[in-house]
Protein backbone atom coordinates (compact mmCIF):
# COMPACT_ATOMS: atom_id res chain seq x y z
CA MET A 1 149.12 158.09 78.45
CA CYS A 2 149.51 154.84 76.42
CA ARG A 3 150.95 153.26 79.39
CA SER A 4 147.83 154.02 81.32
CA ILE A 5 145.65 152.84 78.55
CA LEU A 6 147.46 149.43 78.70
CA LEU A 7 147.36 149.17 82.32
CA SER A 8 143.57 149.69 82.30
CA LEU A 9 143.03 146.99 79.56
CA LEU A 10 145.25 144.38 81.35
CA PRO A 11 142.54 142.98 83.57
CA LEU A 12 140.43 142.31 80.51
CA PHE A 13 143.11 140.61 78.71
CA VAL A 14 144.00 138.41 81.80
CA GLY A 15 140.18 137.56 81.88
CA LEU A 16 139.97 136.42 78.32
CA ILE A 17 143.30 134.46 78.73
CA LEU A 18 141.90 132.69 81.79
CA LEU A 19 138.37 132.20 80.57
CA SER A 20 138.63 131.09 76.85
CA PRO A 21 140.33 127.80 77.52
CA ARG A 22 137.83 126.96 80.31
CA GLY A 23 135.03 128.24 78.39
CA ALA A 24 135.97 125.96 75.46
CA CYS A 25 136.22 122.96 77.84
CA ALA A 26 132.92 123.64 79.26
CA ALA A 27 131.36 123.77 75.77
CA ASP A 28 132.76 120.60 74.84
CA ALA A 29 131.61 118.74 78.27
CA LEU A 30 128.00 117.66 78.47
CA GLU A 31 127.02 116.71 82.05
CA VAL A 32 124.20 114.73 83.56
CA LEU A 33 123.00 116.55 86.58
CA ALA A 34 120.17 114.37 87.90
CA THR A 35 118.82 110.79 87.10
CA LEU A 36 115.65 109.80 88.84
CA PRO A 37 114.68 107.46 90.39
CA GLN A 38 117.48 105.01 91.36
CA GLY A 39 117.56 101.79 93.31
CA GLU A 40 114.14 100.40 94.63
CA VAL A 41 111.02 102.18 93.93
CA THR A 42 107.66 101.16 95.03
CA ASN A 43 105.70 103.08 92.57
CA LEU A 44 107.42 103.44 89.34
CA THR A 45 105.77 105.86 86.79
CA GLN A 46 108.76 107.27 84.92
CA ILE A 47 112.46 107.53 84.31
CA THR A 48 113.72 111.13 84.13
CA VAL A 49 117.23 112.50 83.30
CA ARG A 50 118.40 116.22 83.52
CA PHE A 51 121.52 117.57 81.50
CA SER A 52 123.64 120.59 82.25
CA GLU A 53 122.44 122.37 79.00
CA PRO A 54 119.70 122.51 76.52
CA MET A 55 119.52 119.32 74.35
CA ARG A 56 116.38 120.36 72.04
CA PRO A 57 115.03 123.68 70.98
CA LEU A 58 112.31 125.14 73.22
CA GLY A 59 108.83 123.94 72.79
CA VAL A 60 109.99 120.48 71.40
CA MET A 61 108.38 117.77 73.48
CA GLU A 62 108.19 114.73 71.48
CA GLU A 63 111.11 112.34 71.13
CA SER A 64 111.42 109.15 69.27
CA GLU A 65 112.81 105.85 70.93
CA ALA A 66 115.58 105.65 68.14
CA GLN A 67 116.80 109.54 68.89
CA ALA A 68 116.18 109.30 72.65
CA PRO A 69 119.64 109.44 74.47
CA LEU A 70 117.87 107.60 77.50
CA LEU A 71 118.43 103.92 76.80
CA CYS A 72 116.46 101.57 79.06
CA SER A 73 116.46 97.75 79.21
CA ALA A 74 114.82 94.92 81.39
CA PRO A 75 117.31 91.85 81.41
CA GLY A 76 115.28 88.85 81.94
CA GLY A 77 111.92 90.72 81.08
CA THR A 78 110.34 93.29 78.93
CA LEU A 79 110.51 96.91 79.47
CA PRO A 80 106.79 98.18 80.00
CA PRO A 81 105.60 100.20 77.31
CA GLY A 82 105.82 104.17 77.52
CA ASN A 83 106.89 107.38 75.67
CA PHE A 84 109.86 109.76 75.65
CA ARG A 85 108.97 113.44 76.41
CA TRP A 86 111.09 116.45 77.02
CA LEU A 87 109.66 118.23 79.87
CA ASP A 88 112.08 121.09 79.19
CA PRO A 89 114.90 121.72 76.76
CA ALA A 90 117.32 119.81 79.16
CA THR A 91 115.09 117.17 81.02
CA LEU A 92 113.98 114.12 79.22
CA THR A 93 111.36 111.50 80.78
CA TYR A 94 110.41 108.04 79.80
CA LEU A 95 106.69 108.04 80.92
CA PHE A 96 105.13 104.44 81.51
CA ASP A 97 101.68 104.09 80.08
CA LYS A 98 100.86 102.87 83.48
CA PRO A 99 102.57 102.44 86.93
CA VAL A 100 104.71 99.38 86.59
CA ASP A 101 102.84 96.48 88.20
CA ILE A 102 105.70 93.53 88.00
CA PRO A 103 108.86 92.91 89.80
CA LEU A 104 111.46 94.06 87.37
CA ARG A 105 114.95 95.31 87.07
CA ILE A 106 115.74 98.23 84.57
CA ASP A 107 119.05 99.07 83.37
CA VAL A 108 119.42 102.73 82.42
CA LYS A 109 122.31 104.26 80.22
CA ILE A 110 123.16 107.47 78.74
CA PRO A 111 125.93 106.83 76.25
CA ALA A 112 128.79 108.67 75.79
CA GLY A 113 128.88 110.90 72.95
CA THR A 114 125.39 112.24 73.66
CA GLN A 115 125.38 115.87 72.24
CA ALA A 116 123.76 119.07 73.35
CA LEU A 117 122.54 121.74 71.03
CA SER A 118 125.75 123.71 71.56
CA GLY A 119 127.86 120.79 70.42
CA ALA A 120 129.07 119.77 73.94
CA THR A 121 129.11 115.99 74.28
CA LEU A 122 129.17 113.48 77.02
CA LYS A 123 132.64 112.23 77.74
CA LYS A 124 131.59 108.74 79.40
CA ASP A 125 128.71 106.49 79.82
CA VAL A 126 126.33 107.34 82.60
CA ARG A 127 124.50 104.14 84.12
CA TRP A 128 122.17 103.41 86.90
CA GLN A 129 119.54 100.57 87.94
CA ILE A 130 116.06 100.72 88.95
CA GLN A 131 114.27 97.92 90.97
CA THR A 132 110.66 97.47 91.59
CA PRO A 133 110.03 95.31 94.78
CA PRO A 134 110.38 91.69 94.60
CA LEU A 135 107.17 89.66 94.60
CA ALA A 136 106.02 89.10 98.13
CA LEU A 137 103.24 86.74 99.14
CA GLU A 138 101.81 86.01 102.61
CA LEU A 139 98.72 84.36 103.88
CA GLU A 140 96.67 86.64 105.81
CA ARG A 141 96.99 85.94 109.59
CA ARG A 142 93.59 84.57 110.98
CA ASP A 143 92.16 82.74 113.77
CA GLU A 144 91.82 78.82 113.47
CA LEU A 145 89.81 78.00 110.27
CA PRO A 146 86.22 77.33 111.18
CA ARG A 147 84.38 73.91 109.90
CA ASP A 148 82.31 75.53 107.07
CA SER A 149 83.49 77.92 104.43
CA ALA A 150 87.06 77.97 105.66
CA THR A 151 88.95 80.65 103.68
CA LEU A 152 92.59 81.06 103.22
CA THR A 153 93.41 84.64 101.98
CA LEU A 154 96.75 85.12 99.82
CA VAL A 155 98.09 88.69 99.97
CA SER A 156 100.39 89.82 97.12
CA ASN A 157 102.00 93.07 96.24
CA TYR A 158 101.32 92.37 92.54
CA PRO A 159 98.03 91.38 90.77
CA PHE A 160 97.76 87.71 89.42
CA ASP A 161 96.08 86.56 86.45
CA LEU A 162 93.34 84.95 88.42
CA ALA A 163 92.62 82.07 85.96
CA ASP A 164 96.20 81.00 85.86
CA LEU A 165 96.56 81.41 89.56
CA ARG A 166 93.72 79.05 90.05
CA ALA A 167 95.36 76.52 87.58
CA LYS A 168 98.56 76.66 89.55
CA SER A 169 96.80 76.42 93.10
CA ARG A 170 96.54 73.28 95.26
CA VAL A 171 94.70 73.13 98.52
CA GLN A 172 94.86 70.24 100.75
CA LYS A 173 93.35 69.43 104.12
CA GLY A 174 94.87 66.63 106.11
CA GLY A 175 97.39 65.95 103.23
CA LYS A 176 94.68 65.39 100.73
CA ASP A 177 93.36 67.49 97.80
CA THR A 178 90.25 69.18 98.42
CA ARG A 179 87.79 71.35 96.26
CA PHE A 180 87.87 75.08 96.71
CA THR A 181 86.76 78.35 94.91
CA LEU A 182 89.05 81.23 94.33
CA ARG A 183 88.08 85.07 94.04
CA GLU A 184 89.99 88.18 94.05
CA ASP A 185 88.72 90.75 96.94
CA SER A 186 89.00 94.48 96.37
CA TYR A 187 90.53 96.63 99.15
CA PRO A 188 90.49 100.14 97.72
CA GLY A 189 91.97 101.35 100.97
CA TYR A 190 95.60 99.96 100.08
CA ALA A 191 95.96 102.33 97.13
CA TYR A 192 98.96 104.49 97.18
CA GLY A 193 99.88 107.23 94.72
CA GLY A 194 96.99 106.30 92.61
CA ARG A 195 98.13 102.56 92.45
CA GLN A 196 96.63 99.53 94.67
CA MET A 197 99.42 98.27 96.53
CA ARG A 198 97.88 94.74 97.89
CA TRP A 199 95.83 92.12 96.15
CA HIS A 200 93.71 89.59 97.99
CA TYR A 201 93.00 86.16 96.75
CA SER A 202 90.56 84.08 98.86
CA TYR A 203 90.49 80.39 98.88
CA THR A 204 87.46 78.86 100.31
CA ILE A 205 87.24 75.34 100.99
CA MET A 206 83.89 73.74 99.80
CA ASP A 207 83.75 70.79 102.09
CA PRO A 208 83.55 70.94 105.93
CA LEU A 209 86.64 70.57 107.93
CA GLU A 210 87.14 68.05 110.54
CA PRO A 211 88.53 69.34 113.96
CA ASP A 212 92.29 69.57 114.31
CA THR A 213 92.88 69.39 110.37
CA GLN A 214 95.92 71.19 108.83
CA VAL A 215 95.37 72.94 105.54
CA THR A 216 97.97 73.52 103.16
CA LEU A 217 97.96 75.94 99.94
CA THR A 218 100.72 75.21 97.27
CA LEU A 219 101.49 77.53 94.51
CA GLU A 220 103.20 75.91 91.40
CA ARG A 221 106.13 77.71 89.94
CA GLY A 222 105.17 80.13 87.15
CA ALA A 223 101.83 81.43 88.17
CA ALA A 224 101.51 84.60 85.67
CA LEU A 225 100.96 87.95 87.12
CA ALA A 226 98.44 90.05 85.42
CA GLY A 227 99.44 90.65 81.72
CA HIS A 228 102.88 88.84 82.45
CA ALA A 229 103.89 85.29 82.14
CA GLY A 230 105.62 82.96 84.42
CA ALA A 231 106.64 85.69 87.12
CA ALA A 232 105.86 83.87 90.32
CA PRO A 233 108.07 81.33 92.25
CA ALA A 234 106.69 78.33 93.86
CA ALA A 235 105.26 78.86 97.42
CA ARG A 236 103.81 76.73 100.37
CA PHE A 237 101.62 77.99 103.03
CA GLU A 238 100.02 76.15 106.07
CA ALA A 239 96.92 77.02 108.34
CA ALA A 240 95.43 75.30 111.24
CA GLY A 241 91.76 74.21 111.25
CA TYR A 242 89.51 74.60 114.28
CA LYS A 243 90.44 72.59 117.60
CA ARG A 244 87.75 70.59 119.68
CA LEU A 245 85.78 72.66 122.21
CA ARG A 246 87.65 73.57 125.43
CA LEU A 247 87.43 76.17 128.05
CA GLU A 248 89.76 78.86 127.43
CA SER A 249 89.48 80.92 130.56
CA TRP A 250 86.80 82.58 133.00
CA GLN A 251 86.86 85.88 134.80
CA ALA A 252 84.72 86.91 137.82
CA GLY A 253 84.83 90.83 138.03
CA TYR A 254 87.88 92.64 137.36
CA SER A 255 89.93 90.07 138.94
CA ASN A 256 90.38 86.25 138.22
CA GLY A 257 87.74 85.48 140.97
CA ARG A 258 90.27 83.56 143.31
CA ASP A 259 92.37 86.34 144.69
CA LYS A 260 89.66 88.73 145.98
CA ALA A 261 85.97 89.02 146.06
CA MET A 262 84.13 90.77 143.28
CA SER A 263 81.36 93.25 143.60
CA PRO A 264 77.95 91.90 142.95
CA GLU A 265 77.40 94.43 140.25
CA GLU A 266 80.49 92.99 138.20
CA ASN A 267 80.08 90.33 135.48
CA VAL A 268 81.25 86.87 135.37
CA SER A 269 82.50 85.90 132.02
CA VAL A 270 83.21 82.33 130.30
CA TYR A 271 85.57 82.21 127.18
CA TYR A 272 85.76 79.14 124.86
CA ASN A 273 88.13 78.54 121.91
CA ASN A 274 84.93 78.00 119.58
CA PRO A 275 81.63 79.85 119.43
CA VAL A 276 79.08 78.27 121.62
CA ARG A 277 75.07 79.34 121.81
CA LEU A 278 74.42 81.23 125.37
CA GLY A 279 71.18 79.37 125.64
CA ASP A 280 72.91 75.87 125.37
CA LEU A 281 75.39 76.96 128.08
CA LEU A 282 72.88 78.07 130.38
CA SER A 283 70.78 74.91 130.03
CA LEU A 284 73.63 73.04 131.28
CA LEU A 285 74.73 75.33 133.93
CA GLU A 286 74.13 74.88 137.63
CA VAL A 287 74.64 77.76 140.09
CA THR A 288 75.13 77.04 143.89
CA PRO A 289 73.38 78.60 145.59
CA ALA A 290 70.73 79.31 143.33
CA THR A 291 70.43 83.06 142.16
CA PRO A 292 67.85 84.51 139.57
CA MET A 293 68.68 85.86 136.19
CA ARG A 294 68.81 89.62 135.62
CA PRO A 295 65.19 91.16 134.83
CA ASP A 296 66.59 92.77 131.50
CA PHE A 297 67.74 89.18 130.19
CA ASP A 298 65.24 87.52 127.77
CA ILE A 299 66.13 83.76 127.27
CA ASP A 300 64.20 83.37 124.33
CA GLU A 301 65.78 86.51 122.52
CA ASP A 302 69.29 86.64 124.16
CA GLY A 303 69.70 82.97 124.50
CA ASP A 304 70.46 82.94 120.67
CA SER A 305 73.68 84.90 121.14
CA VAL A 306 76.48 82.77 119.65
CA SER A 307 80.18 83.60 120.70
CA GLY A 308 83.45 82.39 122.06
CA GLY A 309 82.86 84.52 125.16
CA HIS A 310 79.62 84.96 127.14
CA VAL A 311 78.52 87.09 129.97
CA LEU A 312 76.46 85.11 132.61
CA PRO A 313 73.25 86.92 133.10
CA PHE A 314 72.56 86.43 136.90
CA GLN A 315 71.99 88.85 139.76
CA TRP A 316 74.62 87.89 142.18
CA ALA A 317 74.22 88.30 145.85
CA PRO A 318 76.66 90.10 148.13
CA ARG A 319 78.96 88.30 150.65
CA THR A 320 78.30 85.01 148.98
CA ARG A 321 80.46 82.02 147.77
CA TYR A 322 79.31 80.76 144.32
CA THR A 323 80.00 77.33 142.54
CA LEU A 324 79.41 77.18 138.82
CA THR A 325 79.14 73.79 137.34
CA LEU A 326 78.70 73.07 133.72
CA LYS A 327 77.53 69.68 132.91
CA PRO A 328 79.05 67.55 130.02
CA GLY A 329 77.34 67.96 126.41
CA LEU A 330 77.78 71.55 125.63
CA LYS A 331 78.43 71.65 121.80
CA ASP A 332 79.99 74.31 119.76
CA SER A 333 78.81 75.80 116.35
CA TYR A 334 81.09 73.00 114.62
CA GLY A 335 79.48 70.13 116.37
CA THR A 336 82.26 69.27 118.82
CA GLU A 337 81.45 69.12 122.47
CA LEU A 338 82.69 69.20 126.08
CA ARG A 339 82.66 65.65 127.60
CA LYS A 340 83.84 66.59 131.12
CA GLU A 341 82.20 68.69 133.83
CA GLN A 342 83.55 72.13 134.19
CA ARG A 343 83.46 73.66 137.66
CA PHE A 344 84.75 77.37 138.59
CA MET A 345 84.19 78.97 142.08
CA PHE A 346 84.17 82.69 143.05
CA ARG A 347 82.97 84.76 145.90
CA THR A 348 81.35 88.14 146.02
CA GLY A 349 81.89 90.96 148.53
CA ASP A 350 80.03 94.22 149.33
CA TYR A 351 78.40 96.54 146.81
CA GLN A 352 80.75 99.35 145.68
CA PRO A 353 80.50 102.41 147.80
CA PHE A 354 78.07 105.12 146.27
CA PHE A 355 77.39 108.61 147.22
CA ASN A 356 75.40 111.16 145.18
CA LEU A 357 74.36 114.72 146.35
CA SER A 358 74.50 117.56 143.86
CA SER A 359 76.53 120.35 144.76
CA GLY A 360 74.80 123.58 145.83
CA VAL A 361 71.81 121.86 147.07
CA PHE A 362 69.07 124.24 148.27
CA MET A 363 66.70 123.09 150.96
CA GLU A 364 62.93 124.44 150.75
CA PRO A 365 61.68 125.26 154.31
CA ALA A 366 58.47 123.39 153.62
CA GLN A 367 60.49 120.09 153.19
CA GLY A 368 61.46 120.27 156.63
CA GLY A 369 65.29 121.19 155.85
CA ILE A 370 65.98 117.85 154.30
CA ALA A 371 68.62 117.39 151.60
CA TYR A 372 68.09 114.41 149.56
CA MET A 373 70.95 112.11 148.78
CA ASP A 374 71.85 108.45 147.23
CA VAL A 375 74.05 106.69 149.69
CA ARG A 376 75.54 103.02 149.71
CA ASN A 377 78.06 101.30 152.01
CA ILE A 378 79.57 104.48 153.45
CA GLU A 379 79.96 104.61 156.97
CA LYS A 380 80.35 108.32 157.76
CA ILE A 381 79.25 111.35 155.61
CA GLY A 382 80.32 114.85 156.46
CA LEU A 383 78.23 117.90 155.37
CA ARG A 384 78.56 121.58 155.42
CA VAL A 385 75.40 123.75 155.64
CA ARG A 386 75.17 127.19 154.84
CA TYR A 387 71.92 129.29 155.23
CA VAL A 388 71.02 131.25 152.26
CA PRO A 389 67.91 133.76 152.81
CA TRP A 390 65.08 133.61 150.50
CA SER A 391 65.57 137.26 149.50
CA SER A 392 68.81 136.28 148.20
CA PRO A 393 68.73 136.52 144.17
CA GLY A 394 70.59 133.22 144.18
CA ALA A 395 68.10 131.21 146.06
CA LEU A 396 66.74 128.07 144.29
CA VAL A 397 64.48 125.37 145.02
CA ALA A 398 65.54 121.67 144.53
CA TYR A 399 63.63 118.59 144.59
CA ARG A 400 64.67 114.87 144.28
CA LYS A 401 64.90 114.16 140.67
CA GLN A 402 62.69 111.18 141.18
CA ASP A 403 59.72 113.42 142.41
CA LEU A 404 59.83 115.46 139.13
CA ASP A 405 57.73 114.44 136.13
CA ASP A 406 59.05 114.50 132.44
CA GLU A 407 57.83 118.02 131.87
CA SER A 408 59.22 119.77 134.89
């Protein structure tokens, strides 16, 4: 009987023998289960560590910097202000007062010897790094700069101190310094996670540009980011001013006007590198053979349209070869002009085929059995007619649309 009791207690003794040393080791070894974030972080708002067991009593949330086991430093900079808080007994976070808005490297360490409530200690340091994105500057891509109020827009992924940016900026045109104004533009659409991710700074040149002028924006080293001194390296950007007026292209219909004829309903368009006034263009344009303008075009109103591309408002005749001659003297909005005659040719073909007949047309006997249709440039038409007695519940009377007044 004693033997049977001893045999029944044997598994318990074995379990205690096996568990006691491992349990003692577990009690002595504190572990770090998670460290967040790590590496490059676009929107840095907090640094968090989670331990393997409770570090503070339940309900304790505040933690002083001196007592916090989370050590944060910013080599070559200053750690942005924030506060330590326990999210739960085993999770500690350093919560920044606001999202980090400077390029910064942060070294984080949990030192060996950090102790849990149970007395378990961390055997060795736990280290990692966090990096916010480096400063990135670019010049917003635009077309050639115009003559008046030419504007260069600098785009940054961090905000600048506007006054310091102005002091460390230099704008030149043709290699010579020029006057400029600087403003910060607001684009709330670039917000991410509650933080703006792009800042736009517009440099507007105060004096008119000459054609074919190269414009340069230079930033001296050390332009201060908002609230932080000397963070930006030197940078240089270039942009091209407008060119002298020239013909870019022309298009007749959906083709280039040379390979095949266009339908007379299609448009002839002319494109220049700079904006020109349509009325000025038409006053110097000679069409051979002569053709009238569209009745819906009003030269006094529509002629003031200013653009780099214009549709010529003429009624083209079918099966005709046209020559368009633009006499010298056309000026763009910047004052440059075309000094050579421009000429281009195209031909028109037939009007595009057209057929319109509503499906299920019913013909009234009083109309003599006539079905009305709109047809153009169609050689043959096939129709199928089926007699529907007037007694049929589906019989309808249809008239040509233009025979009905607005109230019918």
